[in-house]
Amino acid sequence: MTESDKKTFLRKIRSFVRREGRLTPGQQRALDELWPQFGIEHDSGLIDFDEVFGRNAPRVLEIGFGNGASLAQQAAANPDMDFLGIEVHRPGVGSLLQAIEREGLQNVRVMQEDAVEIIRDQVAASTLDKVQLFFPDPWHKKKHHKRRIVQPAFVELLSDRLKHGGLFHMATDWQHYAEHMLEVMNNMDGFSNTSTAGDYVERPASRPLTKFEQRGHRLGHGVWDIIFKKE
């Protein structure tokens, strides 16, 4: 990928489409009342995680958390870790804020914008212990493959933001996308696959099993987890 291609991907090509559903009254209330405490605005400068969370702890960033159920579950199970979730869809953001309130979580913060732009503009180098990307849009049509978020330019960006020894954990239920992810990561310098077989890993306990995934298992659908470590 040329420097021009990298800049084009990081600035112009969206890996998502905004499909804004209707907010429930509870989601709207959460956005109105809880965002000031748990939300971080885009373009407000580099994030000082120690200041935001009031401590120094391992930091996990999740891209596209959906309705937030999995992220909230992780945060509740790991009170010694801090989580930053990024999601473009307001109903999902509202749902996560509701879960934060319901579970009394203090180790979660939320952002609503393009994750690529946030990571590029507001996350400093070597500040993340882990990046999670679970079930991103596979853009299954060949002409749309350029919109897949897992591209060399994006991985280079993550490499800069991850600490040495940090993890990039991906999961997808599209085999072709899993193969694409694996191919991209295998061609990136500075990363090693944590799979002893050099391909996929079993779902770790750190990634909760979603209702969508449980339904897929019953129907015989596969899910592929890929975890690479920054050297």
C-alpha atoms as a PDB file:
ATOM      1  CA  MET A   1       0.000   0.000   0.000  1.00  0.00           C
ATOM      2  CA  THR A   2       1.437   3.377  -1.035  1.00  0.00           C
ATOM      3  CA  GLU A   3       1.559   6.415   1.256  1.00  0.00           C
ATOM      4  CA  SER A   4      -1.243   7.918  -0.830  1.00  0.00           C
ATOM      5  CA  ASP A   5      -3.378   4.785  -0.321  1.00  0.00           C
ATOM      6  CA  LYS A   6      -2.766   4.908   3.424  1.00  0.00           C
ATOM      7  CA  LYS A   7      -3.841   8.528   3.661  1.00  0.00           C
ATOM      8  CA  THR A   8      -6.922   7.824   1.548  1.00  0.00           C
ATOM      9  CA  PHE A   9      -8.007   4.976   3.821  1.00  0.00           C
ATOM     10  CA  LEU A  10      -7.320   6.843   7.050  1.00  0.00           C
ATOM     11  CA  ARG A  11      -9.099   9.989   5.890  1.00  0.00           C
ATOM     12  CA  LYS A  12     -11.792   9.133   3.392  1.00  0.00           C
ATOM     13  CA  ILE A  13     -12.879   5.497   3.144  1.00  0.00           C
ATOM     14  CA  ARG A  14     -15.515   4.638   5.733  1.00  0.00           C
ATOM     15  CA  SER A  15     -15.659   1.109   7.084  1.00  0.00           C
ATOM     16  CA  PHE A  16     -19.242   1.597   8.268  1.00  0.00           C
ATOM     17  CA  VAL A  17     -22.601   2.980   7.230  1.00  0.00           C
ATOM     18  CA  ARG A  18     -24.676   4.969   9.704  1.00  0.00           C
ATOM     19  CA  ARG A  19     -27.942   3.071  10.060  1.00  0.00           C
ATOM     20  CA  GLU A  20     -29.466   5.207  12.775  1.00  0.00           C
ATOM     21  CA  GLY A  21     -32.313   3.390  14.444  1.00  0.00           C
ATOM     22  CA  ARG A  22     -34.838   5.014  16.739  1.00  0.00           C
ATOM     23  CA  LEU A  23     -33.774   5.672  20.286  1.00  0.00           C
ATOM     24  CA  THR A  24     -35.831   4.209  23.095  1.00  0.00           C
ATOM     25  CA  PRO A  25     -36.797   6.622  25.874  1.00  0.00           C
ATOM     26  CA  GLY A  26     -34.289   4.892  28.139  1.00  0.00           C
ATOM     27  CA  GLN A  27     -31.466   5.257  25.625  1.00  0.00           C
ATOM     28  CA  GLN A  28     -32.284   8.932  25.113  1.00  0.00           C
ATOM     29  CA  ARG A  29     -32.319   9.535  28.876  1.00  0.00           C
ATOM     30  CA  ALA A  30     -28.950   7.797  29.199  1.00  0.00           C
ATOM     31  CA  LEU A  31     -27.468   9.957  26.452  1.00  0.00           C
ATOM     32  CA  ASP A  32     -28.847  13.097  28.040  1.00  0.00           C
ATOM     33  CA  GLU A  33     -27.914  12.325  31.633  1.00  0.00           C
ATOM     34  CA  LEU A  34     -24.902   9.988  31.527  1.00  0.00           C
ATOM     35  CA  TRP A  35     -22.918  11.170  28.512  1.00  0.00           C
ATOM     36  CA  PRO A  36     -21.432  14.150  30.409  1.00  0.00           C
ATOM     37  CA  GLN A  37     -19.914  11.718  32.923  1.00  0.00           C
ATOM     38  CA  PHE A  38     -18.933   8.754  30.775  1.00  0.00           C
ATOM     39  CA  GLY A  39     -18.703  10.168  27.249  1.00  0.00           C
ATOM     40  CA  ILE A  40     -15.593  11.625  25.606  1.00  0.00           C
ATOM     41  CA  GLU A  41     -16.033  14.117  22.797  1.00  0.00           C
ATOM     42  CA  HIS A  42     -14.190  13.784  19.516  1.00  0.00           C
ATOM     43  CA  ASP A  43     -11.554  16.417  18.691  1.00  0.00           C
ATOM     44  CA  SER A  44     -11.042  17.385  22.313  1.00  0.00           C
ATOM     45  CA  GLY A  45      -7.321  16.613  22.087  1.00  0.00           C
ATOM     46  CA  LEU A  46      -5.263  13.617  23.113  1.00  0.00           C
ATOM     47  CA  ILE A  47      -6.956  11.494  25.733  1.00  0.00           C
ATOM     48  CA  ASP A  48      -5.164  11.450  29.084  1.00  0.00           C
ATOM     49  CA  PHE A  49      -6.318   8.023  30.234  1.00  0.00           C
ATOM     50  CA  ASP A  50      -4.897   8.472  33.730  1.00  0.00           C
ATOM     51  CA  GLU A  51      -6.947  11.642  34.135  1.00  0.00           C
ATOM     52  CA  VAL A  52     -10.094  10.205  32.522  1.00  0.00           C
ATOM     53  CA  PHE A  53     -10.145   7.092  34.701  1.00  0.00           C
ATOM     54  CA  GLY A  54      -8.416   8.559  37.738  1.00  0.00           C
ATOM     55  CA  ARG A  55      -5.760   5.855  37.835  1.00  0.00           C
ATOM     56  CA  ASN A  56      -3.118   3.975  35.853  1.00  0.00           C
ATOM     57  CA  ALA A  57      -4.378   0.580  34.702  1.00  0.00           C
ATOM     58  CA  PRO A  58      -4.313  -1.706  31.647  1.00  0.00           C
ATOM     59  CA  ARG A  59      -6.283  -0.059  28.828  1.00  0.00           C
ATOM     60  CA  VAL A  60      -8.551  -1.863  26.370  1.00  0.00           C
ATOM     61  CA  LEU A  61     -10.100  -0.156  23.345  1.00  0.00           C
ATOM     62  CA  GLU A  62     -13.057  -1.800  21.614  1.00  0.00           C
ATOM     63  CA  ILE A  63     -14.120  -0.735  18.134  1.00  0.00           C
ATOM     64  CA  GLY A  64     -17.808  -1.073  17.272  1.00  0.00           C
ATOM     65  CA  PHE A  65     -19.301  -2.438  20.497  1.00  0.00           C
ATOM     66  CA  GLY A  66     -22.840  -2.798  19.118  1.00  0.00           C
ATOM     67  CA  ASN A  67     -25.344  -2.654  21.970  1.00  0.00           C
ATOM     68  CA  GLY A  68     -22.528  -2.695  24.525  1.00  0.00           C
ATOM     69  CA  ALA A  69     -23.592  -5.869  26.332  1.00  0.00           C
ATOM     70  CA  SER A  70     -20.290  -7.655  25.740  1.00  0.00           C
ATOM     71  CA  LEU A  71     -18.192  -4.640  26.682  1.00  0.00           C
ATOM     72  CA  ALA A  72     -20.158  -4.059  29.873  1.00  0.00           C
ATOM     73  CA  GLN A  73     -19.743  -7.716  30.796  1.00  0.00           C
ATOM     74  CA  GLN A  74     -15.986  -7.504  30.274  1.00  0.00           C
ATOM     75  CA  ALA A  75     -15.732  -4.351  32.358  1.00  0.00           C
ATOM     76  CA  ALA A  76     -17.744  -5.887  35.208  1.00  0.00           C
ATOM     77  CA  ALA A  77     -15.542  -8.995  35.176  1.00  0.00           C
ATOM     78  CA  ASN A  78     -12.294  -6.973  35.093  1.00  0.00           C
ATOM     79  CA  PRO A  79     -12.555  -4.048  37.514  1.00  0.00           C
ATOM     80  CA  ASP A  80      -8.758  -3.706  37.456  1.00  0.00           C
ATOM     81  CA  MET A  81      -8.828  -2.787  33.748  1.00  0.00           C
ATOM     82  CA  ASP A  82     -10.132   0.304  31.948  1.00  0.00           C
ATOM     83  CA  PHE A  83     -12.222   0.112  28.767  1.00  0.00           C
ATOM     84  CA  LEU A  84     -12.851   2.673  26.041  1.00  0.00           C
ATOM     85  CA  GLY A  85     -15.660   1.732  23.671  1.00  0.00           C
ATOM     86  CA  ILE A  86     -16.201   3.388  20.286  1.00  0.00           C
ATOM     87  CA  GLU A  87     -19.487   3.064  18.404  1.00  0.00           C
ATOM     88  CA  VAL A  88     -21.030   5.232  15.672  1.00  0.00           C
ATOM     89  CA  HIS A  89     -24.672   4.305  16.311  1.00  0.00           C
ATOM     90  CA  ARG A  90     -26.443   6.333  19.008  1.00  0.00           C
ATOM     91  CA  PRO A  91     -28.846   3.558  20.140  1.00  0.00           C
ATOM     92  CA  GLY A  92     -25.838   1.353  20.918  1.00  0.00           C
ATOM     93  CA  VAL A  93     -24.140   4.164  22.795  1.00  0.00           C
ATOM     94  CA  GLY A  94     -27.321   4.748  24.769  1.00  0.00           C
ATOM     95  CA  SER A  95     -27.589   1.052  25.602  1.00  0.00           C
ATOM     96  CA  LEU A  96     -24.020   0.895  26.884  1.00  0.00           C
ATOM     97  CA  LEU A  97     -24.568   3.984  29.028  1.00  0.00           C
ATOM     98  CA  GLN A  98     -27.641   2.285  30.506  1.00  0.00           C
ATOM     99  CA  ALA A  99     -25.521  -0.795  31.313  1.00  0.00           C
ATOM    100  CA  ILE A 100     -22.837   1.363  32.901  1.00  0.00           C
ATOM    101  CA  GLU A 101     -25.453   2.876  35.197  1.00  0.00           C
ATOM    102  CA  ARG A 102     -27.214  -0.416  35.903  1.00  0.00           C
ATOM    103  CA  GLU A 103     -23.994  -2.272  36.766  1.00  0.00           C
ATOM    104  CA  GLY A 104     -22.353   0.641  38.550  1.00  0.00           C
ATOM    105  CA  LEU A 105     -19.319   0.522  36.250  1.00  0.00           C
ATOM    106  CA  GLN A 106     -16.605   3.112  36.743  1.00  0.00           C
ATOM    107  CA  ASN A 107     -14.042   1.628  34.338  1.00  0.00           C
ATOM    108  CA  VAL A 108     -15.806   2.353  31.034  1.00  0.00           C
ATOM    109  CA  ARG A 109     -15.781   5.441  28.845  1.00  0.00           C
ATOM    110  CA  VAL A 110     -17.630   5.876  25.556  1.00  0.00           C
ATOM    111  CA  MET A 111     -17.008   7.696  22.279  1.00  0.00           C
ATOM    112  CA  GLN A 112     -19.307   8.121  19.300  1.00  0.00           C
ATOM    113  CA  GLU A 113     -17.475   8.736  16.031  1.00  0.00           C
ATOM    114  CA  ASP A 114     -15.373   7.006  13.396  1.00  0.00           C
ATOM    115  CA  ALA A 115     -12.916   4.826  15.321  1.00  0.00           C
ATOM    116  CA  VAL A 116     -10.153   5.376  12.765  1.00  0.00           C
ATOM    117  CA  GLU A 117     -10.340   9.135  13.267  1.00  0.00           C
ATOM    118  CA  ILE A 118     -10.446   8.834  17.049  1.00  0.00           C
ATOM    119  CA  ILE A 119      -7.442   6.520  17.188  1.00  0.00           C
ATOM    120  CA  ARG A 120      -5.549   8.717  14.745  1.00  0.00           C
ATOM    121  CA  ASP A 121      -6.372  12.037  16.428  1.00  0.00           C
ATOM    122  CA  GLN A 122      -6.866  11.325  20.121  1.00  0.00           C
ATOM    123  CA  VAL A 123      -4.971   8.206  21.182  1.00  0.00           C
ATOM    124  CA  ALA A 124      -1.298   8.725  21.911  1.00  0.00           C
ATOM    125  CA  ALA A 125       1.426   6.277  20.950  1.00  0.00           C
ATOM    126  CA  SER A 126       2.032   3.235  23.145  1.00  0.00           C
ATOM    127  CA  THR A 127      -0.972   3.785  25.400  1.00  0.00           C
ATOM    128  CA  LEU A 128      -3.141   0.734  24.675  1.00  0.00           C
ATOM    129  CA  ASP A 129      -2.725  -2.772  26.061  1.00  0.00           C
ATOM    130  CA  LYS A 130      -5.350  -4.300  23.803  1.00  0.00           C
ATOM    131  CA  VAL A 131      -7.549  -3.438  20.826  1.00  0.00           C
ATOM    132  CA  GLN A 132     -10.717  -5.442  20.202  1.00  0.00           C
ATOM    133  CA  LEU A 133     -12.594  -5.642  16.908  1.00  0.00           C
ATOM    134  CA  PHE A 134     -15.515  -8.041  17.161  1.00  0.00           C
ATOM    135  CA  PHE A 135     -17.781  -8.786  14.196  1.00  0.00           C
ATOM    136  CA  PRO A 136     -17.060  -5.728  12.047  1.00  0.00           C
ATOM    137  CA  ASP A 137     -18.988  -5.195   8.822  1.00  0.00           C
ATOM    138  CA  PRO A 138     -17.513  -7.806   6.426  1.00  0.00           C
ATOM    139  CA  TRP A 139     -18.354  -5.827   3.263  1.00  0.00           C
ATOM    140  CA  HIS A 140     -18.747  -9.165   1.524  1.00  0.00           C
ATOM    141  CA  LYS A 141     -19.073  -7.832  -2.037  1.00  0.00           C
ATOM    142  CA  LYS A 142     -15.679  -7.758  -3.733  1.00  0.00           C
ATOM    143  CA  LYS A 143     -16.127  -4.164  -4.901  1.00  0.00           C
ATOM    144  CA  HIS A 144     -16.563  -3.138  -1.250  1.00  0.00           C
ATOM    145  CA  HIS A 145     -13.542  -4.990   0.169  1.00  0.00           C
ATOM    146  CA  LYS A 146     -11.615  -1.705   0.297  1.00  0.00           C
ATOM    147  CA  ARG A 147     -14.069  -0.606   3.015  1.00  0.00           C
ATOM    148  CA  ARG A 148     -13.048  -3.372   5.381  1.00  0.00           C
ATOM    149  CA  ILE A 149     -11.458  -1.785   8.404  1.00  0.00           C
ATOM    150  CA  VAL A 150      -8.664  -4.359   8.641  1.00  0.00           C
ATOM    151  CA  GLN A 151      -6.232  -2.937   6.100  1.00  0.00           C
ATOM    152  CA  PRO A 152      -2.447  -2.414   6.302  1.00  0.00           C
ATOM    153  CA  ALA A 153      -2.774   1.337   6.982  1.00  0.00           C
ATOM    154  CA  PHE A 154      -5.159   0.724   9.862  1.00  0.00           C
ATOM    155  CA  VAL A 155      -2.966  -1.980  11.399  1.00  0.00           C
ATOM    156  CA  GLU A 156       0.050   0.323  11.185  1.00  0.00           C
ATOM    157  CA  LEU A 157      -1.948   2.913  13.102  1.00  0.00           C
ATOM    158  CA  LEU A 158      -2.837   0.360  15.790  1.00  0.00           C
ATOM    159  CA  SER A 159       0.774  -0.793  15.971  1.00  0.00           C
ATOM    160  CA  ASP A 160       1.827   2.723  16.919  1.00  0.00           C
ATOM    161  CA  ARG A 161      -0.865   3.038  19.588  1.00  0.00           C
ATOM    162  CA  LEU A 162      -0.341  -0.400  21.154  1.00  0.00           C
ATOM    163  CA  LYS A 163       2.279  -0.970  23.798  1.00  0.00           C
ATOM    164  CA  HIS A 164       4.950  -3.586  23.199  1.00  0.00           C
ATOM    165  CA  GLY A 165       3.318  -6.889  24.023  1.00  0.00           C
ATOM    166  CA  GLY A 166      -0.122  -5.411  23.342  1.00  0.00           C
ATOM    167  CA  LEU A 167      -2.801  -7.510  21.626  1.00  0.00           C
ATOM    168  CA  PHE A 168      -5.032  -6.997  18.615  1.00  0.00           C
ATOM    169  CA  HIS A 169      -8.023  -9.354  18.948  1.00  0.00           C
ATOM    170  CA  MET A 170     -10.367  -9.778  15.976  1.00  0.00           C
ATOM    171  CA  ALA A 171     -13.431 -11.977  15.601  1.00  0.00           C
ATOM    172  CA  THR A 172     -15.739 -12.529  12.636  1.00  0.00           C
ATOM    173  CA  ASP A 173     -18.418 -14.938  11.500  1.00  0.00           C
ATOM    174  CA  TRP A 174     -17.447 -14.510   7.838  1.00  0.00           C
ATOM    175  CA  GLN A 175     -14.753 -17.011   6.861  1.00  0.00           C
ATOM    176  CA  HIS A 176     -13.594 -14.985   3.872  1.00  0.00           C
ATOM    177  CA  TYR A 177     -13.097 -11.938   6.079  1.00  0.00           C
ATOM    178  CA  ALA A 178     -11.221 -14.077   8.607  1.00  0.00           C
ATOM    179  CA  GLU A 179      -8.908 -15.172   5.817  1.00  0.00           C
ATOM    180  CA  HIS A 180      -8.481 -11.545   4.769  1.00  0.00           C
ATOM    181  CA  MET A 181      -7.645 -10.511   8.349  1.00  0.00           C
ATOM    182  CA  LEU A 182      -5.109 -13.296   8.648  1.00  0.00           C
ATOM    183  CA  GLU A 183      -3.477 -12.384   5.346  1.00  0.00           C
ATOM    184  CA  VAL A 184      -3.184  -8.709   6.304  1.00  0.00           C
ATOM    185  CA  MET A 185      -1.739  -9.486   9.733  1.00  0.00           C
ATOM    186  CA  ASN A 186       0.711 -12.073   8.424  1.00  0.00           C
ATOM    187  CA  ASN A 187       2.166  -9.436   6.132  1.00  0.00           C
ATOM    188  CA  MET A 188       2.603  -6.821   8.850  1.00  0.00           C
ATOM    189  CA  ASP A 189       5.976  -6.318  10.481  1.00  0.00           C
ATOM    190  CA  GLY A 190       6.142  -6.204  14.247  1.00  0.00           C
ATOM    191  CA  PHE A 191       3.268  -8.595  14.980  1.00  0.00           C
ATOM    192  CA  SER A 192       3.210 -12.288  15.807  1.00  0.00           C
ATOM    193  CA  ASN A 193       0.245 -14.649  15.755  1.00  0.00           C
ATOM    194  CA  THR A 194      -0.632 -16.056  19.176  1.00  0.00           C
ATOM    195  CA  SER A 195      -2.070 -19.182  17.525  1.00  0.00           C
ATOM    196  CA  THR A 196       0.316 -22.096  17.771  1.00  0.00           C
ATOM    197  CA  ALA A 197      -1.087 -23.322  14.456  1.00  0.00           C
ATOM    198  CA  GLY A 198      -0.435 -19.965  12.829  1.00  0.00           C
ATOM    199  CA  ASP A 199      -4.072 -19.234  12.083  1.00  0.00           C
ATOM    200  CA  TYR A 200      -7.039 -19.018  14.476  1.00  0.00           C
ATOM    201  CA  VAL A 201      -7.509 -19.416  18.222  1.00  0.00           C
ATOM    202  CA  GLU A 202     -10.365 -20.739  20.311  1.00  0.00           C
ATOM    203  CA  ARG A 203     -12.596 -18.019  21.677  1.00  0.00           C
ATOM    204  CA  PRO A 204     -10.856 -16.852  24.853  1.00  0.00           C
ATOM    205  CA  ALA A 205     -12.843 -16.402  28.046  1.00  0.00           C
ATOM    206  CA  SER A 206     -12.142 -12.675  27.809  1.00  0.00           C
ATOM    207  CA  ARG A 207     -14.566 -12.412  24.864  1.00  0.00           C
ATOM    208  CA  PRO A 208     -18.126 -13.040  26.072  1.00  0.00           C
ATOM    209  CA  LEU A 209     -20.359 -15.198  23.922  1.00  0.00           C
ATOM    210  CA  THR A 210     -23.076 -12.993  22.431  1.00  0.00           C
ATOM    211  CA  LYS A 211     -26.707 -13.997  21.883  1.00  0.00           C
ATOM    212  CA  PHE A 212     -26.154 -13.535  18.156  1.00  0.00           C
ATOM    213  CA  GLU A 213     -23.179 -15.891  18.298  1.00  0.00           C
ATOM    214  CA  GLN A 214     -25.063 -18.485  20.358  1.00  0.00           C
ATOM    215  CA  ARG A 215     -27.803 -18.496  17.738  1.00  0.00           C
ATOM    216  CA  GLY A 216     -25.177 -18.902  15.024  1.00  0.00           C
ATOM    217  CA  HIS A 217     -23.644 -21.880  16.785  1.00  0.00           C
ATOM    218  CA  ARG A 218     -27.054 -23.573  16.945  1.00  0.00           C
ATOM    219  CA  LEU A 219     -27.405 -23.035  13.201  1.00  0.00           C
ATOM    220  CA  GLY A 220     -23.944 -24.420  12.542  1.00  0.00           C
ATOM    221  CA  HIS A 221     -22.302 -21.085  11.708  1.00  0.00           C
ATOM    222  CA  GLY A 222     -18.593 -20.683  12.333  1.00  0.00           C
ATOM    223  CA  VAL A 223     -16.791 -17.913  14.202  1.00  0.00           C
ATOM    224  CA  TRP A 224     -13.104 -17.176  13.809  1.00  0.00           C
ATOM    225  CA  ASP A 225     -10.977 -15.497  16.484  1.00  0.00           C
ATOM    226  CA  ILE A 226      -7.585 -14.050  15.551  1.00  0.00           C
ATOM    227  CA  ILE A 227      -5.179 -12.590  18.112  1.00  0.00           C
ATOM    228  CA  PHE A 228      -1.870 -10.994  17.183  1.00  0.00           C
ATOM    229  CA  LYS A 229       0.732  -9.646  19.605  1.00  0.00           C
ATOM    230  CA  LYS A 230       2.831  -6.554  19.016  1.00  0.00           C
ATOM    231  CA  GLU A 231       6.466  -7.451  19.345  1.00  0.00           C
END
